[in-house]
All heavy atoms as atom14 arrays in JSON, in Angstrom:
{
  "sequence": "GGGLVQAGGSLRLSCAASGRAFSTYPMAWFRQAPGKDREFV",
  "atom14_mask": [
    [1, 1, 1, 1, 0, 0, 0, 0, 0, 0, 0, 0, 0, 0],
    [1, 1, 1, 1, 0, 0, 0, 0, 0, 0, 0, 0, 0, 0],
    [1, 1, 1, 1, 0, 0, 0, 0, 0, 0, 0, 0, 0, 0],
    [1, 1, 1, 1, 1, 1, 1, 1, 0, 0, 0, 0, 0, 0],
    [1, 1, 1, 1, 1, 1, 1, 0, 0, 0, 0, 0, 0, 0],
    [1, 1, 1, 1, 1, 1, 1, 1, 1, 0, 0, 0, 0, 0],
    [1, 1, 1, 1, 1, 0, 0, 0, 0, 0, 0, 0, 0, 0],
    [1, 1, 1, 1, 0, 0, 0, 0, 0, 0, 0, 0, 0, 0],
    [1, 1, 1, 1, 0, 0, 0, 0, 0, 0, 0, 0, 0, 0],
    [1, 1, 1, 1, 1, 1, 0, 0, 0, 0, 0, 0, 0, 0],
    [1, 1, 1, 1, 1, 1, 1, 1, 0, 0, 0, 0, 0, 0],
    [1, 1, 1, 1, 1, 1, 1, 1, 1, 1, 1, 0, 0, 0],
    [1, 1, 1, 1, 1, 1, 1, 1, 0, 0, 0, 0, 0, 0],
    [1, 1, 1, 1, 1, 1, 0, 0, 0, 0, 0, 0, 0, 0],
    [1, 1, 1, 1, 1, 1, 0, 0, 0, 0, 0, 0, 0, 0],
    [1, 1, 1, 1, 1, 0, 0, 0, 0, 0, 0, 0, 0, 0],
    [1, 1, 1, 1, 1, 0, 0, 0, 0, 0, 0, 0, 0, 0],
    [1, 1, 1, 1, 1, 1, 0, 0, 0, 0, 0, 0, 0, 0],
    [1, 1, 1, 1, 0, 0, 0, 0, 0, 0, 0, 0, 0, 0],
    [1, 1, 1, 1, 1, 1, 1, 1, 1, 1, 1, 0, 0, 0],
    [1, 1, 1, 1, 1, 0, 0, 0, 0, 0, 0, 0, 0, 0],
    [1, 1, 1, 1, 1, 1, 1, 1, 1, 1, 1, 0, 0, 0],
    [1, 1, 1, 1, 1, 1, 0, 0, 0, 0, 0, 0, 0, 0],
    [1, 1, 1, 1, 1, 1, 1, 0, 0, 0, 0, 0, 0, 0],
    [1, 1, 1, 1, 1, 1, 1, 1, 1, 1, 1, 1, 0, 0],
    [1, 1, 1, 1, 1, 1, 1, 0, 0, 0, 0, 0, 0, 0],
    [1, 1, 1, 1, 1, 1, 1, 1, 0, 0, 0, 0, 0, 0],
    [1, 1, 1, 1, 1, 0, 0, 0, 0, 0, 0, 0, 0, 0],
    [1, 1, 1, 1, 1, 1, 1, 1, 1, 1, 1, 1, 1, 1],
    [1, 1, 1, 1, 1, 1, 1, 1, 1, 1, 1, 0, 0, 0],
    [1, 1, 1, 1, 1, 1, 1, 1, 1, 1, 1, 0, 0, 0],
    [1, 1, 1, 1, 1, 1, 1, 1, 1, 0, 0, 0, 0, 0],
    [1, 1, 1, 1, 1, 0, 0, 0, 0, 0, 0, 0, 0, 0],
    [1, 1, 1, 1, 1, 1, 1, 0, 0, 0, 0, 0, 0, 0],
    [1, 1, 1, 1, 0, 0, 0, 0, 0, 0, 0, 0, 0, 0],
    [1, 1, 1, 1, 1, 1, 1, 1, 1, 0, 0, 0, 0, 0],
    [1, 1, 1, 1, 1, 1, 1, 1, 0, 0, 0, 0, 0, 0],
    [1, 1, 1, 1, 1, 1, 1, 1, 1, 1, 1, 0, 0, 0],
    [1, 1, 1, 1, 1, 1, 1, 1, 1, 0, 0, 0, 0, 0],
    [1, 1, 1, 1, 1, 1, 1, 1, 1, 1, 1, 0, 0, 0],
    [1, 1, 1, 1, 1, 1, 1, 0, 0, 0, 0, 0, 0, 0]
  ],
  "atom14_positions": [
    [[74.17, 57.25, 108.36], [74.31, 56.38, 107.23], [75.56, 55.52, 107.2], [75.74, 54.69, 106.3], [0.0, 0.0, 0.0], [0.0, 0.0, 0.0], [0.0, 0.0, 0.0], [0.0, 0.0, 0.0], [0.0, 0.0, 0.0], [0.0, 0.0, 0.0], [0.0, 0.0, 0.0], [0.0, 0.0, 0.0], [0.0, 0.0, 0.0], [0.0, 0.0, 0.0]],
    [[76.46, 55.69, 108.15], [77.65, 54.86, 108.19], [77.31, 53.42, 108.58], [76.19, 53.1, 108.94], [0.0, 0.0, 0.0], [0.0, 0.0, 0.0], [0.0, 0.0, 0.0], [0.0, 0.0, 0.0], [0.0, 0.0, 0.0], [0.0, 0.0, 0.0], [0.0, 0.0, 0.0], [0.0, 0.0, 0.0], [0.0, 0.0, 0.0], [0.0, 0.0, 0.0]],
    [[78.32, 52.55, 108.47], [78.1, 51.16, 108.85], [79.18, 50.26, 108.3], [80.24, 50.72, 107.85], [0.0, 0.0, 0.0], [0.0, 0.0, 0.0], [0.0, 0.0, 0.0], [0.0, 0.0, 0.0], [0.0, 0.0, 0.0], [0.0, 0.0, 0.0], [0.0, 0.0, 0.0], [0.0, 0.0, 0.0], [0.0, 0.0, 0.0], [0.0, 0.0, 0.0]],
    [[78.89, 48.97, 108.33], [79.82, 47.94, 107.85], [79.31, 47.41, 106.51], [78.13, 47.08, 106.37], [79.89, 46.81, 108.88], [80.68, 45.56, 108.48], [82.16, 45.9, 108.3], [80.5, 44.47, 109.53], [0.0, 0.0, 0.0], [0.0, 0.0, 0.0], [0.0, 0.0, 0.0], [0.0, 0.0, 0.0], [0.0, 0.0, 0.0], [0.0, 0.0, 0.0]],
    [[80.21, 47.36, 105.54], [79.83, 46.89, 104.21], [81.0, 46.1, 103.63], [82.17, 46.36, 103.99], [79.46, 48.08, 103.31], [80.66, 48.98, 103.08], [78.86, 47.62, 102.0], [0.0, 0.0, 0.0], [0.0, 0.0, 0.0], [0.0, 0.0, 0.0], [0.0, 0.0, 0.0], [0.0, 0.0, 0.0], [0.0, 0.0, 0.0], [0.0, 0.0, 0.0]],
    [[80.71, 45.15, 102.77], [81.76, 44.4, 102.12], [82.35, 45.2, 100.97], [81.68, 46.07, 100.38], [81.21, 43.07, 101.58], [80.87, 42.07, 102.66], [80.5, 40.71, 102.07], [80.0, 40.63, 100.96], [80.72, 39.65, 102.85], [0.0, 0.0, 0.0], [0.0, 0.0, 0.0], [0.0, 0.0, 0.0], [0.0, 0.0, 0.0], [0.0, 0.0, 0.0]],
    [[83.59, 44.88, 100.64], [84.24, 45.54, 99.53], [83.41, 45.36, 98.26], [82.87, 44.27, 98.03], [85.65, 44.98, 99.33], [0.0, 0.0, 0.0], [0.0, 0.0, 0.0], [0.0, 0.0, 0.0], [0.0, 0.0, 0.0], [0.0, 0.0, 0.0], [0.0, 0.0, 0.0], [0.0, 0.0, 0.0], [0.0, 0.0, 0.0], [0.0, 0.0, 0.0]],
    [[83.29, 46.43, 97.51], [82.45, 46.4, 96.31], [81.05, 46.89, 96.55], [80.31, 47.14, 95.58], [0.0, 0.0, 0.0], [0.0, 0.0, 0.0], [0.0, 0.0, 0.0], [0.0, 0.0, 0.0], [0.0, 0.0, 0.0], [0.0, 0.0, 0.0], [0.0, 0.0, 0.0], [0.0, 0.0, 0.0], [0.0, 0.0, 0.0], [0.0, 0.0, 0.0]],
    [[80.68, 47.01, 97.79], [79.32, 47.46, 98.14], [79.18, 48.96, 98.13], [80.1, 49.7, 97.76], [0.0, 0.0, 0.0], [0.0, 0.0, 0.0], [0.0, 0.0, 0.0], [0.0, 0.0, 0.0], [0.0, 0.0, 0.0], [0.0, 0.0, 0.0], [0.0, 0.0, 0.0], [0.0, 0.0, 0.0], [0.0, 0.0, 0.0], [0.0, 0.0, 0.0]],
    [[78.01, 49.42, 98.58], [77.68, 50.84, 98.56], [77.12, 51.28, 99.91], [76.54, 50.49, 100.65], [76.63, 51.14, 97.49], [77.1, 50.81, 96.19], [0.0, 0.0, 0.0], [0.0, 0.0, 0.0], [0.0, 0.0, 0.0], [0.0, 0.0, 0.0], [0.0, 0.0, 0.0], [0.0, 0.0, 0.0], [0.0, 0.0, 0.0], [0.0, 0.0, 0.0]],
    [[77.33, 52.56, 100.2], [76.74, 53.21, 101.36], [76.37, 54.63, 100.95], [76.99, 55.23, 100.08], [77.69, 53.26, 102.54], [77.86, 52.04, 103.43], [78.95, 52.32, 104.46], [76.57, 51.66, 104.09], [0.0, 0.0, 0.0], [0.0, 0.0, 0.0], [0.0, 0.0, 0.0], [0.0, 0.0, 0.0], [0.0, 0.0, 0.0], [0.0, 0.0, 0.0]],
    [[75.37, 55.17, 101.65], [74.95, 56.55, 101.41], [74.98, 57.28, 102.73], [74.23, 56.94, 103.65], [73.56, 56.59, 100.8], [73.07, 57.99, 100.42], [71.68, 57.88, 99.79], [71.13, 59.16, 99.4], [71.34, 59.72, 98.24], [72.07, 59.09, 97.31], [70.78, 60.89, 97.93], [0.0, 0.0, 0.0], [0.0, 0.0, 0.0], [0.0, 0.0, 0.0]],
    [[75.84, 58.29, 102.81], [75.93, 59.11, 104.01], [75.08, 60.36, 103.84], [75.03, 60.94, 102.76], [77.39, 59.53, 104.28], [78.41, 58.4, 104.39], [79.77, 58.99, 104.75], [77.99, 57.37, 105.41], [0.0, 0.0, 0.0], [0.0, 0.0, 0.0], [0.0, 0.0, 0.0], [0.0, 0.0, 0.0], [0.0, 0.0, 0.0], [0.0, 0.0, 0.0]],
    [[74.46, 60.79, 104.92], [73.67, 62.02, 104.92], [74.15, 62.95, 106.03], [74.64, 62.49, 107.06], [72.2, 61.7, 105.11], [71.7, 60.97, 104.02], [0.0, 0.0, 0.0], [0.0, 0.0, 0.0], [0.0, 0.0, 0.0], [0.0, 0.0, 0.0], [0.0, 0.0, 0.0], [0.0, 0.0, 0.0], [0.0, 0.0, 0.0], [0.0, 0.0, 0.0]],
    [[73.95, 64.23, 105.79], [74.31, 65.24, 106.79], [73.16, 66.23, 106.85], [72.83, 66.87, 105.86], [75.6, 65.95, 106.4], [76.07, 67.31, 107.47], [0.0, 0.0, 0.0], [0.0, 0.0, 0.0], [0.0, 0.0, 0.0], [0.0, 0.0, 0.0], [0.0, 0.0, 0.0], [0.0, 0.0, 0.0], [0.0, 0.0, 0.0], [0.0, 0.0, 0.0]],
    [[72.57, 66.35, 108.03], [71.48, 67.3, 108.24], [72.03, 68.54, 108.91], [72.71, 68.45, 109.93], [70.4, 66.69, 109.09], [0.0, 0.0, 0.0], [0.0, 0.0, 0.0], [0.0, 0.0, 0.0], [0.0, 0.0, 0.0], [0.0, 0.0, 0.0], [0.0, 0.0, 0.0], [0.0, 0.0, 0.0], [0.0, 0.0, 0.0], [0.0, 0.0, 0.0]],
    [[71.75, 69.71, 108.33], [72.29, 70.97, 108.84], [71.18, 71.86, 109.41], [70.06, 71.87, 108.89], [73.02, 71.7, 107.73], [0.0, 0.0, 0.0], [0.0, 0.0, 0.0], [0.0, 0.0, 0.0], [0.0, 0.0, 0.0], [0.0, 0.0, 0.0], [0.0, 0.0, 0.0], [0.0, 0.0, 0.0], [0.0, 0.0, 0.0], [0.0, 0.0, 0.0]],
    [[71.52, 72.59, 110.43], [70.58, 73.53, 111.01], [71.35, 74.7, 111.6], [72.56, 74.62, 111.85], [69.74, 72.89, 112.1], [70.57, 72.4, 113.15], [0.0, 0.0, 0.0], [0.0, 0.0, 0.0], [0.0, 0.0, 0.0], [0.0, 0.0, 0.0], [0.0, 0.0, 0.0], [0.0, 0.0, 0.0], [0.0, 0.0, 0.0], [0.0, 0.0, 0.0]],
    [[70.67, 75.82, 111.77], [71.25, 76.97, 112.46], [71.81, 78.07, 111.59], [72.24, 79.08, 112.08], [0.0, 0.0, 0.0], [0.0, 0.0, 0.0], [0.0, 0.0, 0.0], [0.0, 0.0, 0.0], [0.0, 0.0, 0.0], [0.0, 0.0, 0.0], [0.0, 0.0, 0.0], [0.0, 0.0, 0.0], [0.0, 0.0, 0.0], [0.0, 0.0, 0.0]],
    [[71.83, 77.89, 110.28], [72.37, 78.93, 109.4], [71.74, 78.77, 108.04], [71.21, 77.7, 107.72], [73.89, 78.81, 109.31], [74.59, 79.94, 108.63], [76.11, 79.82, 108.7], [76.6, 78.72, 107.9], [77.91, 78.47, 107.7], [78.83, 79.27, 108.25], [78.31, 77.45, 106.98], [0.0, 0.0, 0.0], [0.0, 0.0, 0.0], [0.0, 0.0, 0.0]],
    [[71.85, 79.8, 107.19], [71.36, 79.72, 105.83], [72.17, 78.71, 105.05], [73.2, 79.02, 104.46], [71.42, 81.08, 105.17], [0.0, 0.0, 0.0], [0.0, 0.0, 0.0], [0.0, 0.0, 0.0], [0.0, 0.0, 0.0], [0.0, 0.0, 0.0], [0.0, 0.0, 0.0], [0.0, 0.0, 0.0], [0.0, 0.0, 0.0], [0.0, 0.0, 0.0]],
    [[71.7, 77.48, 105.03], [72.44, 76.35, 104.47], [72.86, 76.59, 103.03], [73.98, 76.27, 102.64], [71.58, 75.1, 104.57], [72.18, 73.86, 103.97], [73.12, 73.15, 104.64], [71.77, 73.44, 102.71], [73.68, 72.0, 104.11], [72.32, 72.29, 102.16], [73.28, 71.57, 102.85], [0.0, 0.0, 0.0], [0.0, 0.0, 0.0], [0.0, 0.0, 0.0]],
    [[71.97, 77.17, 102.24], [72.2, 77.29, 100.82], [73.26, 78.3, 100.44], [73.61, 78.41, 99.27], [70.9, 77.63, 100.11], [70.45, 78.9, 100.53], [0.0, 0.0, 0.0], [0.0, 0.0, 0.0], [0.0, 0.0, 0.0], [0.0, 0.0, 0.0], [0.0, 0.0, 0.0], [0.0, 0.0, 0.0], [0.0, 0.0, 0.0], [0.0, 0.0, 0.0]],
    [[73.77, 79.06, 101.38], [74.72, 80.12, 101.06], [76.16, 79.75, 101.34], [77.06, 80.58, 101.17], [74.37, 81.4, 101.82], [74.46, 81.15, 103.22], [72.98, 81.88, 101.48], [0.0, 0.0, 0.0], [0.0, 0.0, 0.0], [0.0, 0.0, 0.0], [0.0, 0.0, 0.0], [0.0, 0.0, 0.0], [0.0, 0.0, 0.0], [0.0, 0.0, 0.0]],
    [[76.44, 78.5, 101.77], [77.8, 78.09, 102.12], [78.19, 76.79, 101.44], [77.34, 75.93, 101.21], [77.92, 77.91, 103.64], [77.81, 79.2, 104.41], [76.58, 79.77, 104.72], [78.95, 79.88, 104.83], [76.47, 80.96, 105.4], [78.87, 81.06, 105.53], [77.63, 81.6, 105.78], [77.55, 82.78, 106.47], [0.0, 0.0, 0.0], [0.0, 0.0, 0.0]],
    [[79.47, 76.65, 101.13], [79.92, 75.38, 100.56], [79.9, 74.29, 101.64], [79.95, 74.57, 102.84], [81.35, 75.68, 100.13], [81.82, 76.76, 101.06], [80.59, 77.6, 101.3], [0.0, 0.0, 0.0], [0.0, 0.0, 0.0], [0.0, 0.0, 0.0], [0.0, 0.0, 0.0], [0.0, 0.0, 0.0], [0.0, 0.0, 0.0], [0.0, 0.0, 0.0]],
    [[79.85, 73.04, 101.18], [79.84, 71.9, 102.08], [80.86, 70.88, 101.58], [81.27, 70.9, 100.42], [78.45, 71.23, 102.11], [77.33, 72.13, 102.59], [77.44, 72.5, 104.36], [77.17, 70.86, 105.06], [0.0, 0.0, 0.0], [0.0, 0.0, 0.0], [0.0, 0.0, 0.0], [0.0, 0.0, 0.0], [0.0, 0.0, 0.0], [0.0, 0.0, 0.0]],
    [[81.26, 69.99, 102.48], [82.25, 68.99, 102.09], [82.15, 67.77, 102.98], [81.49, 67.78, 104.02], [83.67, 69.59, 102.19], [0.0, 0.0, 0.0], [0.0, 0.0, 0.0], [0.0, 0.0, 0.0], [0.0, 0.0, 0.0], [0.0, 0.0, 0.0], [0.0, 0.0, 0.0], [0.0, 0.0, 0.0], [0.0, 0.0, 0.0], [0.0, 0.0, 0.0]],
    [[82.87, 66.73, 102.55], [83.08, 65.53, 103.35], [84.58, 65.31, 103.48], [85.34, 65.44, 102.51], [82.45, 64.3, 102.7], [80.97, 64.28, 102.74], [80.11, 64.74, 101.76], [80.15, 63.78, 103.79], [78.82, 64.58, 102.15], [78.79, 63.97, 103.39], [80.4, 63.2, 105.02], [77.72, 63.6, 104.19], [79.33, 62.82, 105.82], [78.01, 63.01, 105.39]],
    [[85.01, 64.98, 104.69], [86.38, 64.58, 104.98], [86.31, 63.22, 105.65], [85.26, 62.81, 106.14], [87.08, 65.59, 105.88], [87.38, 66.91, 105.22], [86.38, 67.87, 105.02], [88.66, 67.2, 104.78], [86.66, 69.08, 104.38], [88.96, 68.4, 104.17], [87.95, 69.33, 103.96], [0.0, 0.0, 0.0], [0.0, 0.0, 0.0], [0.0, 0.0, 0.0]],
    [[87.45, 62.54, 105.73], [87.5, 61.26, 106.45], [88.82, 61.13, 107.15], [89.81, 61.75, 106.78], [87.27, 60.1, 105.5], [88.38, 59.88, 104.48], [87.99, 58.8, 103.48], [89.05, 58.55, 102.5], [88.92, 57.77, 101.44], [87.75, 57.15, 101.2], [89.93, 57.61, 100.61], [0.0, 0.0, 0.0], [0.0, 0.0, 0.0], [0.0, 0.0, 0.0]],
    [[88.82, 60.28, 108.17], [90.05, 60.01, 108.92], [90.14, 58.52, 109.21], [89.26, 57.98, 109.89], [90.07, 60.82, 110.21], [91.39, 60.71, 110.95], [91.51, 61.75, 112.05], [90.52, 62.29, 112.55], [92.74, 62.04, 112.45], [0.0, 0.0, 0.0], [0.0, 0.0, 0.0], [0.0, 0.0, 0.0], [0.0, 0.0, 0.0], [0.0, 0.0, 0.0]],
    [[91.18, 57.91, 108.69], [91.44, 56.51, 108.94], [92.26, 56.36, 110.21], [92.98, 57.33, 110.6], [92.17, 55.89, 107.75], [0.0, 0.0, 0.0], [0.0, 0.0, 0.0], [0.0, 0.0, 0.0], [0.0, 0.0, 0.0], [0.0, 0.0, 0.0], [0.0, 0.0, 0.0], [0.0, 0.0, 0.0], [0.0, 0.0, 0.0], [0.0, 0.0, 0.0]],
    [[92.23, 55.23, 110.87], [92.99, 55.03, 112.09], [94.49, 55.31, 111.88], [95.08, 54.79, 110.93], [92.74, 53.55, 112.43], [91.44, 53.25, 111.79], [91.41, 54.05, 110.52], [0.0, 0.0, 0.0], [0.0, 0.0, 0.0], [0.0, 0.0, 0.0], [0.0, 0.0, 0.0], [0.0, 0.0, 0.0], [0.0, 0.0, 0.0], [0.0, 0.0, 0.0]],
    [[95.04, 56.14, 112.73], [96.46, 56.44, 112.65], [96.87, 57.4, 111.55], [98.06, 57.63, 111.33], [0.0, 0.0, 0.0], [0.0, 0.0, 0.0], [0.0, 0.0, 0.0], [0.0, 0.0, 0.0], [0.0, 0.0, 0.0], [0.0, 0.0, 0.0], [0.0, 0.0, 0.0], [0.0, 0.0, 0.0], [0.0, 0.0, 0.0], [0.0, 0.0, 0.0]],
    [[95.89, 57.97, 110.85], [96.2, 58.86, 109.75], [95.55, 60.23, 109.97], [94.62, 60.37, 110.77], [95.7, 58.27, 108.43], [96.43, 56.99, 108.02], [96.02, 56.56, 106.62], [96.79, 55.33, 106.19], [96.41, 54.9, 104.81], [0.0, 0.0, 0.0], [0.0, 0.0, 0.0], [0.0, 0.0, 0.0], [0.0, 0.0, 0.0], [0.0, 0.0, 0.0]],
    [[96.04, 61.2, 109.23], [95.47, 62.54, 109.3], [94.11, 62.58, 108.58], [93.84, 61.75, 107.69], [96.39, 63.58, 108.66], [97.67, 63.74, 109.43], [97.67, 63.52, 110.66], [98.67, 64.16, 108.79], [0.0, 0.0, 0.0], [0.0, 0.0, 0.0], [0.0, 0.0, 0.0], [0.0, 0.0, 0.0], [0.0, 0.0, 0.0], [0.0, 0.0, 0.0]],
    [[93.3, 63.54, 108.94], [92.03, 63.74, 108.25], [92.32, 64.18, 106.81], [93.23, 65.0, 106.57], [91.21, 64.81, 108.97], [89.82, 65.02, 108.43], [88.98, 65.82, 109.4], [89.57, 67.11, 109.71], [89.13, 67.89, 110.7], [88.11, 67.51, 111.45], [89.71, 69.07, 110.91], [0.0, 0.0, 0.0], [0.0, 0.0, 0.0], [0.0, 0.0, 0.0]],
    [[91.56, 63.65, 105.87], [91.8, 63.97, 104.47], [90.49, 64.36, 103.77], [89.4, 63.94, 104.15], [92.42, 62.77, 103.74], [91.55, 61.55, 103.64], [92.18, 60.46, 102.78], [93.29, 60.65, 102.24], [91.51, 59.41, 102.62], [0.0, 0.0, 0.0], [0.0, 0.0, 0.0], [0.0, 0.0, 0.0], [0.0, 0.0, 0.0], [0.0, 0.0, 0.0]],
    [[90.67, 65.16, 102.74], [89.56, 65.64, 101.94], [88.99, 64.48, 101.1], [89.72, 63.67, 100.58], [90.05, 66.73, 100.99], [89.1, 67.11, 99.9], [87.97, 67.88, 100.2], [89.32, 66.72, 98.61], [87.1, 68.23, 99.19], [88.46, 67.08, 97.59], [87.34, 67.84, 97.89], [0.0, 0.0, 0.0], [0.0, 0.0, 0.0], [0.0, 0.0, 0.0]],
    [[87.65, 64.46, 100.99], [86.98, 63.46, 100.17], [86.25, 64.13, 99.0], [86.48, 63.82, 97.85], [85.98, 62.64, 101.0], [85.2, 61.69, 100.09], [86.7, 61.87, 102.12], [0.0, 0.0, 0.0], [0.0, 0.0, 0.0], [0.0, 0.0, 0.0], [0.0, 0.0, 0.0], [0.0, 0.0, 0.0], [0.0, 0.0, 0.0], [0.0, 0.0, 0.0]]
  ]
}
């Protein structure tokens, strides 16, 4: 779901999980900008 968008626009990211009981664990999104540390979203 990533891509290029103009400021003010919208995007929808998806994450498909497999291999474990998905519903029993917390999930999260993080991001990393160029030259910066990964940060919580």
